[in-house]
Amino acid sequence: MVLTDDATYLIHIVLSGAQLPATREAPSVITMPAFGWRLNDQQLADVVNFIRTSWGNQAARTVTAGDVAKVRQDKTAQQQQGSPDVDKLSP
């Protein structure tokens, strides 16, 4: 997912957040918050490119602000980009 030519899924994770469920071997739920509300398209592309080129990763294609803008327009992503307003956070 990190190194594929199509970085849509990784963009969506940084934009909307994600959660790994608990398992018997790893009983803690791991949650990454959504950053869509806080980062503009270029900043989010920079984060995704950092992930794709760090820790030995060598992605062939650079993610652009335009790539992020396309994912941000997805109806699912629009509803899950987080909010600085604590009252809007999911329980």
Protein backbone atom coordinates (compact mmCIF):
# COMPACT_ATOMS: atom_id res chain seq x y z
CA MET A 1 0.00 0.00 0.00
CA VAL A 2 2.81 2.44 0.82
CA LEU A 3 4.78 1.86 -2.36
CA THR A 4 2.07 1.28 -4.97
CA ASP A 5 1.86 3.66 -7.93
CA ASP A 6 -1.67 4.59 -6.85
CA ALA A 7 -1.33 6.17 -3.40
CA THR A 8 -5.08 6.75 -2.97
CA TYR A 9 -5.44 4.38 -0.01
CA LEU A 10 -2.49 5.91 1.87
CA ILE A 11 -3.76 9.43 1.16
CA HIS A 12 -7.18 8.40 2.48
CA ILE A 13 -5.64 7.05 5.70
CA VAL A 14 -3.76 10.28 6.44
CA LEU A 15 -6.77 12.37 5.41
CA SER A 16 -9.46 10.40 7.28
CA GLY A 17 -7.57 8.38 9.89
CA ALA A 18 -7.73 4.65 10.49
CA GLN A 19 -8.05 2.10 13.25
CA LEU A 20 -6.51 -1.34 13.63
CA PRO A 21 -8.71 -3.67 15.67
CA ALA A 22 -7.48 -5.50 18.73
CA THR A 23 -6.42 -9.12 18.34
CA ARG A 24 -5.45 -11.78 20.82
CA GLU A 25 -1.77 -11.20 20.03
CA ALA A 26 -2.11 -7.39 20.08
CA PRO A 27 -4.96 -6.56 22.47
CA SER A 28 -4.69 -2.78 22.16
CA VAL A 29 -6.65 -0.93 19.48
CA ILE A 30 -4.31 1.31 17.49
CA THR A 31 -5.89 4.51 16.15
CA MET A 32 -4.52 7.17 13.84
CA PRO A 33 -6.54 10.40 13.88
CA ALA A 34 -7.73 12.20 10.76
CA PHE A 35 -5.55 15.08 9.58
CA GLY A 36 -7.75 16.32 6.72
CA TRP A 37 -9.14 19.17 8.79
CA ARG A 38 -5.67 20.37 9.73
CA LEU A 39 -3.49 19.93 6.63
CA ASN A 40 -3.96 21.51 3.22
CA ASP A 41 -3.49 19.44 0.06
CA GLN A 42 0.22 20.23 -0.32
CA GLN A 43 1.00 19.53 3.34
CA LEU A 44 -0.82 16.23 3.20
CA ALA A 45 1.01 15.29 -0.02
CA ASP A 46 4.30 16.11 1.74
CA VAL A 47 3.41 13.77 4.64
CA VAL A 48 2.45 10.96 2.26
CA ASN A 49 5.66 11.45 0.26
CA PHE A 50 7.69 11.38 3.48
CA ILE A 51 6.11 8.03 4.38
CA ARG A 52 6.71 6.73 0.85
CA THR A 53 10.41 7.68 0.85
CA SER A 54 11.48 7.07 4.47
CA TRP A 55 12.59 3.97 6.41
CA GLY A 56 14.02 2.38 3.27
CA ASN A 57 10.88 2.99 1.20
CA GLN A 58 11.50 4.03 -2.40
CA ALA A 59 8.21 4.91 -4.07
CA ALA A 60 8.49 5.36 -7.81
CA ARG A 61 5.93 8.17 -8.07
CA THR A 62 5.59 11.40 -6.09
CA VAL A 63 2.15 12.27 -4.71
CA THR A 64 0.96 15.77 -5.68
CA ALA A 65 -1.44 18.22 -4.08
CA GLY A 66 -3.76 17.42 -7.01
CA ASP A 67 -3.77 13.74 -6.04
CA VAL A 68 -4.80 14.70 -2.51
CA ALA A 69 -7.49 17.08 -3.80
CA LYS A 70 -9.08 14.22 -5.78
CA VAL A 71 -9.24 11.96 -2.73
CA ARG A 72 -10.49 14.82 -0.55
CA GLN A 73 -13.51 15.17 -2.87
CA ASP A 74 -14.59 11.56 -2.26
CA LYS A 75 -17.86 11.60 -0.28
CA THR A 76 -16.51 9.13 2.29
CA ALA A 77 -13.37 11.20 2.84
CA GLN A 78 -15.38 14.43 3.10
CA GLN A 79 -17.29 13.07 6.08
CA GLN A 80 -14.24 11.69 7.92
CA GLN A 81 -11.59 14.42 7.78
CA GLY A 82 -11.86 15.23 11.48
CA SER A 83 -12.55 18.53 13.14
CA PRO A 84 -10.94 20.87 15.65
CA ASP A 85 -14.37 21.09 17.29
CA VAL A 86 -14.41 18.51 20.11
CA ASP A 87 -18.22 18.39 20.03
CA LYS A 88 -18.05 16.98 16.48
CA LEU A 89 -15.77 14.07 17.36
CA SER A 90 -17.23 10.59 17.24
CA PRO A 91 -17.76 8.83 20.59
